[in-house]
Amino acid sequence: MANRHTPRIGWFLAAGAVLLLFAFQVPTLTPLVQKELDKRLQDYREEVWRACRKRALELASKEVDSLVIEWAKANRDTFNRPAKPEKPLEPERLLPKDTTPVAPLFNEQDTLKD
């Protein structure tokens, strides 16, 4: 029975050896493929850098704006501004010099009757 399994073991060992031989080889790229790969990697790095820089500038701009506003509120110049004027006193009320007695505007004769 040992003879019956020997060819199978041989094929199995040969296939394993071939697989191991190819498993540890470093794949080589043609110069054109390598150049295109390098270009795409460089484009990707530049795009990530641009997005990162844009986000950093936006955050820095917000931070600086809030600091400038805070500084301006803290350092407002109120010394040279004149004080708010006081409200003037209410003037004396002058009554009209009309001496005619109060009378109705319309007589009963002037009104419309049903």
C-alpha atoms as a PDB file:
ATOM      1  CA  MET A   1       0.000   0.000   0.000  1.00  0.00           C
ATOM      2  CA  ALA A   2       2.898   2.345   0.467  1.00  0.00           C
ATOM      3  CA  ASN A   3       3.547   2.245  -3.264  1.00  0.00           C
ATOM      4  CA  ARG A   4       0.080   3.421  -4.071  1.00  0.00           C
ATOM      5  CA  HIS A   5       0.437   6.800  -2.188  1.00  0.00           C
ATOM      6  CA  THR A   6       4.012   7.553  -3.221  1.00  0.00           C
ATOM      7  CA  PRO A   7       3.171   9.227  -6.586  1.00  0.00           C
ATOM      8  CA  ARG A   8       0.579  11.465  -4.924  1.00  0.00           C
ATOM      9  CA  ILE A   9       3.020  12.586  -2.271  1.00  0.00           C
ATOM     10  CA  GLY A  10       5.601  13.294  -4.947  1.00  0.00           C
ATOM     11  CA  TRP A  11       3.227  15.470  -6.950  1.00  0.00           C
ATOM     12  CA  PHE A  12       2.152  17.244  -3.786  1.00  0.00           C
ATOM     13  CA  LEU A  13       5.745  17.984  -2.792  1.00  0.00           C
ATOM     14  CA  ALA A  14       6.624  19.155  -6.326  1.00  0.00           C
ATOM     15  CA  ALA A  15       3.611  21.501  -6.447  1.00  0.00           C
ATOM     16  CA  GLY A  16       4.476  22.862  -3.002  1.00  0.00           C
ATOM     17  CA  ALA A  17       8.054  23.509  -4.047  1.00  0.00           C
ATOM     18  CA  VAL A  18       6.930  25.395  -7.174  1.00  0.00           C
ATOM     19  CA  LEU A  19       4.489  27.478  -5.155  1.00  0.00           C
ATOM     20  CA  LEU A  20       7.172  28.322  -2.610  1.00  0.00           C
ATOM     21  CA  LEU A  21       9.550  29.260  -5.398  1.00  0.00           C
ATOM     22  CA  PHE A  22       7.068  31.752  -6.862  1.00  0.00           C
ATOM     23  CA  ALA A  23       5.815  32.975  -3.469  1.00  0.00           C
ATOM     24  CA  PHE A  24       9.101  34.586  -2.484  1.00  0.00           C
ATOM     25  CA  GLN A  25       9.848  36.286  -5.800  1.00  0.00           C
ATOM     26  CA  VAL A  26       9.559  40.097  -5.869  1.00  0.00           C
ATOM     27  CA  PRO A  27       7.270  41.177  -8.694  1.00  0.00           C
ATOM     28  CA  THR A  28       9.019  43.414 -11.191  1.00  0.00           C
ATOM     29  CA  LEU A  29       7.317  46.279 -12.940  1.00  0.00           C
ATOM     30  CA  THR A  30       8.124  47.642 -16.321  1.00  0.00           C
ATOM     31  CA  PRO A  31       9.529  51.173 -16.320  1.00  0.00           C
ATOM     32  CA  LEU A  32       6.383  52.569 -17.981  1.00  0.00           C
ATOM     33  CA  VAL A  33       4.100  50.984 -15.358  1.00  0.00           C
ATOM     34  CA  GLN A  34       6.409  52.166 -12.577  1.00  0.00           C
ATOM     35  CA  LYS A  35       6.397  55.713 -13.978  1.00  0.00           C
ATOM     36  CA  GLU A  36       2.577  55.769 -14.162  1.00  0.00           C
ATOM     37  CA  LEU A  37       2.320  54.362 -10.626  1.00  0.00           C
ATOM     38  CA  ASP A  38       4.721  57.018  -9.303  1.00  0.00           C
ATOM     39  CA  LYS A  39       2.728  59.764 -11.064  1.00  0.00           C
ATOM     40  CA  ARG A  40      -0.583  58.567  -9.595  1.00  0.00           C
ATOM     41  CA  LEU A  41       0.928  58.288  -6.118  1.00  0.00           C
ATOM     42  CA  GLN A  42       2.332  61.823  -6.404  1.00  0.00           C
ATOM     43  CA  ASP A  43      -1.069  63.154  -7.579  1.00  0.00           C
ATOM     44  CA  TYR A  44      -2.769  61.451  -4.648  1.00  0.00           C
ATOM     45  CA  ARG A  45      -0.278  62.868  -2.146  1.00  0.00           C
ATOM     46  CA  GLU A  46      -0.717  66.369  -3.611  1.00  0.00           C
ATOM     47  CA  GLU A  47      -4.519  66.109  -3.403  1.00  0.00           C
ATOM     48  CA  VAL A  48      -4.375  64.973   0.233  1.00  0.00           C
ATOM     49  CA  TRP A  49      -1.921  67.810   0.987  1.00  0.00           C
ATOM     50  CA  ARG A  50      -4.196  70.403  -0.671  1.00  0.00           C
ATOM     51  CA  ALA A  51      -7.267  69.191   1.238  1.00  0.00           C
ATOM     52  CA  CYS A  52      -5.339  69.143   4.524  1.00  0.00           C
ATOM     53  CA  ARG A  53      -3.917  72.627   3.927  1.00  0.00           C
ATOM     54  CA  LYS A  54      -7.351  74.019   2.995  1.00  0.00           C
ATOM     55  CA  ARG A  55      -8.929  72.553   6.146  1.00  0.00           C
ATOM     56  CA  ALA A  56      -6.078  73.889   8.301  1.00  0.00           C
ATOM     57  CA  LEU A  57      -6.416  77.384   6.802  1.00  0.00           C
ATOM     58  CA  GLU A  58     -10.184  77.414   7.373  1.00  0.00           C
ATOM     59  CA  LEU A  59      -9.769  76.393  11.016  1.00  0.00           C
ATOM     60  CA  ALA A  60      -6.971  78.925  11.518  1.00  0.00           C
ATOM     61  CA  SER A  61      -9.066  81.667   9.927  1.00  0.00           C
ATOM     62  CA  LYS A  62     -11.978  80.966  12.285  1.00  0.00           C
ATOM     63  CA  GLU A  63      -9.647  80.926  15.274  1.00  0.00           C
ATOM     64  CA  VAL A  64      -7.958  84.190  14.290  1.00  0.00           C
ATOM     65  CA  ASP A  65     -11.311  85.884  13.592  1.00  0.00           C
ATOM     66  CA  SER A  66     -12.629  84.956  17.020  1.00  0.00           C
ATOM     67  CA  LEU A  67      -9.412  86.134  18.695  1.00  0.00           C
ATOM     68  CA  VAL A  68      -9.504  89.468  16.846  1.00  0.00           C
ATOM     69  CA  ILE A  69     -13.156  90.017  17.797  1.00  0.00           C
ATOM     70  CA  GLU A  70     -12.431  89.118  21.417  1.00  0.00           C
ATOM     71  CA  TRP A  71      -9.439  91.485  21.487  1.00  0.00           C
ATOM     72  CA  ALA A  72     -11.479  94.310  19.917  1.00  0.00           C
ATOM     73  CA  LYS A  73     -14.257  93.905  22.484  1.00  0.00           C
ATOM     74  CA  ALA A  74     -11.768  93.899  25.340  1.00  0.00           C
ATOM     75  CA  ASN A  75      -9.881  96.975  24.100  1.00  0.00           C
ATOM     76  CA  ARG A  76     -12.677  99.285  23.028  1.00  0.00           C
ATOM     77  CA  ASP A  77     -11.691 102.923  23.281  1.00  0.00           C
ATOM     78  CA  THR A  78     -14.318 104.551  25.495  1.00  0.00           C
ATOM     79  CA  PHE A  79     -12.187 107.328  26.978  1.00  0.00           C
ATOM     80  CA  ASN A  80     -12.524 109.859  24.151  1.00  0.00           C
ATOM     81  CA  ARG A  81     -16.221 109.388  23.715  1.00  0.00           C
ATOM     82  CA  PRO A  82     -18.310 112.172  25.272  1.00  0.00           C
ATOM     83  CA  ALA A  83     -20.696 111.201  28.027  1.00  0.00           C
ATOM     84  CA  LYS A  84     -24.324 110.737  27.206  1.00  0.00           C
ATOM     85  CA  PRO A  85     -26.140 114.053  27.766  1.00  0.00           C
ATOM     86  CA  GLU A  86     -28.633 114.286  30.564  1.00  0.00           C
ATOM     87  CA  LYS A  87     -32.294 114.446  29.748  1.00  0.00           C
ATOM     88  CA  PRO A  88     -33.588 118.041  29.917  1.00  0.00           C
ATOM     89  CA  LEU A  89     -36.256 118.981  32.425  1.00  0.00           C
ATOM     90  CA  GLU A  90     -39.786 119.028  31.202  1.00  0.00           C
ATOM     91  CA  PRO A  91     -40.789 122.628  30.305  1.00  0.00           C
ATOM     92  CA  GLU A  92     -43.569 124.395  32.137  1.00  0.00           C
ATOM     93  CA  ARG A  93     -46.910 123.910  30.430  1.00  0.00           C
ATOM     94  CA  LEU A  94     -48.368 127.117  29.143  1.00  0.00           C
ATOM     95  CA  LEU A  95     -52.143 127.277  29.082  1.00  0.00           C
ATOM     96  CA  PRO A  96     -53.882 129.076  26.211  1.00  0.00           C
ATOM     97  CA  LYS A  97     -55.168 132.582  26.877  1.00  0.00           C
ATOM     98  CA  ASP A  98     -58.639 131.887  25.513  1.00  0.00           C
ATOM     99  CA  THR A  99     -61.379 133.330  27.701  1.00  0.00           C
ATOM    100  CA  THR A 100     -64.444 132.388  25.634  1.00  0.00           C
ATOM    101  CA  PRO A 101     -66.858 130.058  27.426  1.00  0.00           C
ATOM    102  CA  VAL A 102     -67.301 126.503  26.250  1.00  0.00           C
ATOM    103  CA  ALA A 103     -70.464 126.055  24.135  1.00  0.00           C
ATOM    104  CA  PRO A 104     -71.860 123.249  21.963  1.00  0.00           C
ATOM    105  CA  LEU A 105     -70.744 123.211  18.334  1.00  0.00           C
ATOM    106  CA  PHE A 106     -74.118 122.411  16.874  1.00  0.00           C
ATOM    107  CA  ASN A 107     -77.563 123.610  17.835  1.00  0.00           C
ATOM    108  CA  GLU A 108     -80.447 121.237  17.785  1.00  0.00           C
ATOM    109  CA  GLN A 109     -81.789 123.040  14.772  1.00  0.00           C
ATOM    110  CA  ASP A 110     -78.707 122.201  12.748  1.00  0.00           C
ATOM    111  CA  THR A 111     -78.972 118.432  13.207  1.00  0.00           C
ATOM    112  CA  LEU A 112     -80.896 116.207  10.796  1.00  0.00           C
ATOM    113  CA  LYS A 113     -84.207 114.916  12.031  1.00  0.00           C
ATOM    114  CA  ASP A 114     -85.839 111.699  11.031  1.00  0.00           C
END
